[in-house]
Amino acid sequence: MNDRIYLHEIIRTVPGREEPYLASVLSLHRDPKRGDRKGRAAFAQFRSAQTSGPWPCAVNIWENTWAGQTEDLVGQFRDTRRDVAMEEWWNRNLHLRRGGYDRLLVPAAFSPAHADLVSRGVRCEVCWHEIAWLPFGEPLKYLDLVGSELLPALDRLGLVLIGAFRVAMRPRQVLTIIGAPQWRQLTETLSAAQRDPQLAAWTAYRAATAERSEEMLLLPARHDPLARGRVP
């Protein structure tokens, strides 16, 4: 059971500065001057692959508790408890980014926490990131079917679930991230969508249910534990 909360950020970065931005924001979250940061973790950091959508983008996902997320928001927006280190970082790094979009994510019960991915030694060359817009009342059923129908098919094909979430305060949105240890496994999965009965059934349900979706291929940041052959 995953009882955490996740902050999901899609950042428009300056071209060629995705990795410096990702490293910089990670250093902020590990800054000892920011006080008690227990319970927070960098769940995953990615940069977008140019062939799959808007570019350049960086994606940060931070793992937190509800209490910790509340404290972060208080420190960001309440003057008497300002997070001064974050303000200084924000101003120092304006040359790396141009804006972005944030979401709070509530994980499905089967969605792995950061510690689960690390203990299993999950490594990926590429990840498939999808935000889907569904009819009201459908997200919980959609995520249940991700767990019961999609995951067994992915397991047979050598892919791994990185995360499955509904979006807080956006009751029609879900986010899924699927990792491929190698690029070829992702392309083989896409080509097998109609030949594998379970995957074909999932694909048909998704096509009939999702009103729209945004998909991106993401590359784990070079310093991220998810990265295959990462630089320590």
Protein backbone atom coordinates (compact mmCIF):
# COMPACT_ATOMS: atom_id res chain seq x y z
CA MET A 1 0.00 0.00 0.00
CA ASN A 2 1.50 3.33 -1.07
CA ASP A 3 0.29 6.13 1.24
CA ARG A 4 2.55 8.87 -0.08
CA ILE A 5 1.77 12.03 -2.06
CA TYR A 6 3.73 13.13 -5.13
CA LEU A 7 4.48 16.51 -6.67
CA HIS A 8 4.73 16.20 -10.46
CA GLU A 9 6.41 19.05 -12.34
CA ILE A 10 6.70 19.53 -16.09
CA ILE A 11 9.25 22.30 -16.64
CA ARG A 12 9.98 24.14 -19.88
CA THR A 13 13.75 24.41 -19.83
CA VAL A 14 16.22 26.38 -21.92
CA PRO A 15 17.41 24.22 -24.87
CA GLY A 16 20.42 22.15 -23.91
CA ARG A 17 20.06 22.93 -20.20
CA GLU A 18 17.81 20.07 -19.10
CA GLU A 19 20.47 18.13 -17.19
CA PRO A 20 21.93 21.22 -15.42
CA TYR A 21 18.41 22.20 -14.35
CA LEU A 22 17.63 18.71 -13.03
CA ALA A 23 20.88 18.56 -11.06
CA SER A 24 20.32 22.05 -9.68
CA VAL A 25 16.82 21.37 -8.40
CA LEU A 26 17.98 18.09 -6.84
CA SER A 27 20.68 20.00 -4.94
CA LEU A 28 17.97 22.29 -3.56
CA HIS A 29 16.01 19.36 -2.17
CA ARG A 30 19.17 18.04 -0.50
CA ASP A 31 20.25 21.42 0.90
CA PRO A 32 20.94 20.99 4.66
CA LYS A 33 20.09 24.68 5.23
CA ARG A 34 16.42 23.99 4.48
CA GLY A 35 15.79 22.41 7.85
CA ASP A 36 14.02 19.13 8.44
CA ARG A 37 13.42 17.51 5.05
CA LYS A 38 12.70 13.99 6.31
CA GLY A 39 10.01 12.19 4.40
CA ARG A 40 10.83 13.90 1.09
CA ALA A 41 12.62 12.16 -1.76
CA ALA A 42 13.37 12.67 -5.43
CA PHE A 43 11.13 9.91 -6.79
CA ALA A 44 12.36 10.35 -10.37
CA GLN A 45 13.78 12.98 -12.72
CA PHE A 46 13.56 12.90 -16.52
CA ARG A 47 14.21 14.90 -19.70
CA SER A 48 11.98 14.61 -22.74
CA ALA A 49 12.95 12.82 -25.95
CA GLN A 50 12.67 15.23 -28.87
CA THR A 51 10.62 12.92 -31.11
CA SER A 52 7.66 12.52 -28.74
CA GLY A 53 6.23 15.97 -28.09
CA PRO A 54 7.10 19.37 -26.64
CA TRP A 55 10.83 19.90 -26.27
CA PRO A 56 12.84 20.69 -24.28
CA CYS A 57 11.13 19.63 -21.05
CA ALA A 58 12.27 18.35 -17.69
CA VAL A 59 10.02 16.29 -15.44
CA ASN A 60 10.49 16.12 -11.67
CA ILE A 61 8.48 13.86 -9.37
CA TRP A 62 8.97 14.36 -5.64
CA GLU A 63 7.76 11.83 -3.05
CA ASN A 64 6.36 13.33 0.13
CA THR A 65 3.80 12.90 2.91
CA TRP A 66 0.62 14.95 3.12
CA ALA A 67 2.01 16.70 6.20
CA GLY A 68 5.31 17.39 4.47
CA GLN A 69 3.59 18.71 1.35
CA THR A 70 1.51 21.03 3.50
CA GLU A 71 4.68 22.39 5.15
CA ASP A 72 6.26 22.92 1.72
CA LEU A 73 3.27 24.96 0.55
CA VAL A 74 3.27 27.01 3.75
CA GLY A 75 6.97 27.73 3.29
CA GLN A 76 6.40 28.77 -0.30
CA PHE A 77 3.36 31.02 0.14
CA ARG A 78 3.26 32.27 3.74
CA ASP A 79 5.60 35.21 4.32
CA THR A 80 6.18 34.57 8.03
CA ARG A 81 7.51 31.04 7.32
CA ARG A 82 9.30 31.63 4.03
CA ASP A 83 11.66 29.01 2.64
CA VAL A 84 14.54 31.43 2.03
CA ALA A 85 16.83 28.81 0.48
CA MET A 86 14.17 28.02 -2.13
CA GLU A 87 13.73 31.72 -2.95
CA GLU A 88 17.50 32.10 -3.44
CA TRP A 89 17.65 29.00 -5.64
CA TRP A 90 14.66 30.21 -7.68
CA ASN A 91 16.32 33.51 -8.49
CA ARG A 92 19.76 31.98 -9.17
CA ASN A 93 18.39 29.54 -11.74
CA LEU A 94 16.05 31.66 -13.84
CA HIS A 95 18.48 31.21 -16.75
CA LEU A 96 17.74 27.45 -16.84
CA ARG A 97 13.94 27.43 -17.15
CA ARG A 98 11.03 29.31 -18.72
CA GLY A 99 7.99 28.07 -16.82
CA GLY A 100 6.09 24.91 -16.10
CA TYR A 101 3.05 23.09 -14.79
CA ASP A 102 2.59 21.21 -11.51
CA ARG A 103 0.22 18.48 -10.29
CA LEU A 104 -0.29 16.66 -7.00
CA LEU A 105 -0.51 12.90 -7.53
CA VAL A 106 -2.28 10.29 -5.43
CA PRO A 107 -0.82 6.82 -6.12
CA ALA A 108 -2.78 3.67 -6.81
CA ALA A 109 -2.30 1.11 -4.02
CA PHE A 110 -0.02 -0.98 -6.26
CA SER A 111 2.08 1.97 -7.48
CA PRO A 112 5.66 1.51 -6.22
CA ALA A 113 7.25 3.94 -3.78
CA HIS A 114 10.78 5.24 -4.36
CA ALA A 115 12.23 2.70 -1.92
CA ASP A 116 10.52 -0.14 -3.84
CA LEU A 117 12.13 0.88 -7.14
CA VAL A 118 15.55 1.22 -5.51
CA SER A 119 15.35 -2.14 -3.68
CA ARG A 120 14.37 -3.89 -6.93
CA GLY A 121 17.21 -2.24 -8.83
CA VAL A 122 14.89 -0.92 -11.56
CA ARG A 123 16.82 0.59 -14.48
CA CYS A 124 15.37 2.07 -17.69
CA GLU A 125 16.66 3.48 -20.94
CA VAL A 126 13.32 5.13 -21.70
CA CYS A 127 9.95 5.68 -20.00
CA TRP A 128 6.48 6.17 -21.51
CA HIS A 129 4.70 8.99 -19.66
CA GLU A 130 0.97 9.46 -20.31
CA ILE A 131 -1.59 11.87 -18.89
CA ALA A 132 -5.14 10.75 -19.77
CA TRP A 133 -8.41 12.69 -19.43
CA LEU A 134 -11.30 10.41 -18.51
CA PRO A 135 -15.04 10.79 -17.85
CA PHE A 136 -15.96 11.83 -14.32
CA GLY A 137 -15.98 8.80 -12.03
CA GLU A 138 -13.74 6.70 -14.30
CA PRO A 139 -10.18 7.24 -12.93
CA LEU A 140 -10.43 4.70 -10.08
CA LYS A 141 -11.75 2.01 -12.43
CA TYR A 142 -9.06 2.91 -14.98
CA LEU A 143 -6.30 2.49 -12.39
CA ASP A 144 -7.80 -0.77 -11.12
CA LEU A 145 -7.59 -2.12 -14.67
CA VAL A 146 -4.02 -0.88 -15.01
CA GLY A 147 -3.22 -3.13 -12.04
CA SER A 148 -5.27 -6.17 -13.05
CA GLU A 149 -4.98 -6.12 -16.86
CA LEU A 150 -2.08 -3.97 -18.03
CA LEU A 151 0.59 -4.93 -15.48
CA PRO A 152 0.57 -8.69 -16.24
CA ALA A 153 0.96 -7.92 -19.95
CA LEU A 154 3.82 -5.50 -19.28
CA ASP A 155 5.53 -8.07 -17.08
CA ARG A 156 5.44 -10.67 -19.87
CA LEU A 157 6.99 -8.13 -22.24
CA GLY A 158 9.77 -7.10 -19.86
CA LEU A 159 8.45 -3.64 -19.01
CA VAL A 160 7.98 -2.23 -15.50
CA LEU A 161 5.50 0.12 -13.88
CA ILE A 162 7.20 3.26 -12.53
CA GLY A 163 3.97 4.87 -11.31
CA ALA A 164 0.18 4.98 -11.64
CA PHE A 165 -1.64 7.95 -10.15
CA ARG A 166 -4.84 9.94 -10.09
CA VAL A 167 -4.43 13.72 -10.00
CA ALA A 168 -5.58 15.62 -6.92
CA MET A 169 -7.90 18.57 -7.70
CA ARG A 170 -8.19 17.38 -11.31
CA PRO A 171 -10.74 14.57 -10.94
CA ARG A 172 -10.65 13.47 -14.58
CA GLN A 173 -6.89 13.00 -14.95
CA VAL A 174 -4.65 9.98 -14.42
CA LEU A 175 -0.93 9.65 -14.98
CA THR A 176 0.93 6.45 -15.79
CA ILE A 177 4.67 5.97 -16.30
CA ILE A 178 5.97 2.72 -17.79
CA GLY A 179 9.68 1.97 -17.95
CA ALA A 180 11.57 -0.03 -20.57
CA PRO A 181 14.99 -1.41 -19.61
CA GLN A 182 15.89 -1.12 -23.32
CA TRP A 183 14.41 0.89 -26.17
CA ARG A 184 13.64 -2.24 -28.21
CA GLN A 185 11.32 -3.54 -25.49
CA LEU A 186 9.16 -0.44 -25.80
CA THR A 187 8.93 -0.67 -29.59
CA GLU A 188 8.20 -4.41 -29.37
CA THR A 189 5.39 -3.70 -26.92
CA LEU A 190 3.84 -1.10 -29.19
CA SER A 191 4.01 -3.48 -32.16
CA ALA A 192 2.52 -6.32 -30.07
CA ALA A 193 -0.53 -4.32 -28.97
CA GLN A 194 -2.89 -6.23 -31.25
CA ARG A 195 -1.21 -9.65 -31.09
CA ASP A 196 -1.23 -10.03 -27.29
CA PRO A 197 -4.87 -10.67 -26.22
CA GLN A 198 -4.56 -9.05 -22.79
CA LEU A 199 -2.71 -6.02 -24.16
CA ALA A 200 -5.21 -5.74 -27.01
CA ALA A 201 -8.13 -5.75 -24.54
CA TRP A 202 -6.47 -3.04 -22.45
CA THR A 203 -5.73 -0.95 -25.56
CA ALA A 204 -9.36 -1.22 -26.70
CA TYR A 205 -10.65 -0.13 -23.27
CA ARG A 206 -8.23 2.79 -23.16
CA ALA A 207 -9.17 3.93 -26.66
CA ALA A 208 -12.88 3.77 -25.87
CA THR A 209 -12.59 5.51 -22.49
CA ALA A 210 -9.92 8.21 -22.65
CA GLU A 211 -11.29 11.46 -24.08
CA ARG A 212 -7.76 12.73 -24.77
CA SER A 213 -4.22 11.98 -23.73
CA GLU A 214 -0.76 13.49 -23.81
CA GLU A 215 2.14 11.11 -24.20
CA MET A 216 5.87 11.74 -23.92
CA LEU A 217 8.93 9.55 -24.05
CA LEU A 218 11.23 10.42 -21.18
CA LEU A 219 14.89 9.68 -20.52
CA PRO A 220 15.91 9.29 -16.86
CA ALA A 221 18.33 12.01 -15.77
CA ARG A 222 21.93 10.83 -15.89
CA HIS A 223 22.26 11.06 -12.10
CA ASP A 224 18.92 9.36 -11.38
CA PRO A 225 18.95 5.81 -9.93
CA LEU A 226 16.52 4.79 -12.71
CA ALA A 227 19.06 5.57 -15.43
CA ARG A 228 20.60 2.54 -17.10
CA GLY A 229 24.39 2.88 -17.03
CA ARG A 230 24.05 6.08 -14.99
CA VAL A 231 26.99 8.19 -13.92
CA PRO A 232 27.31 8.01 -10.09
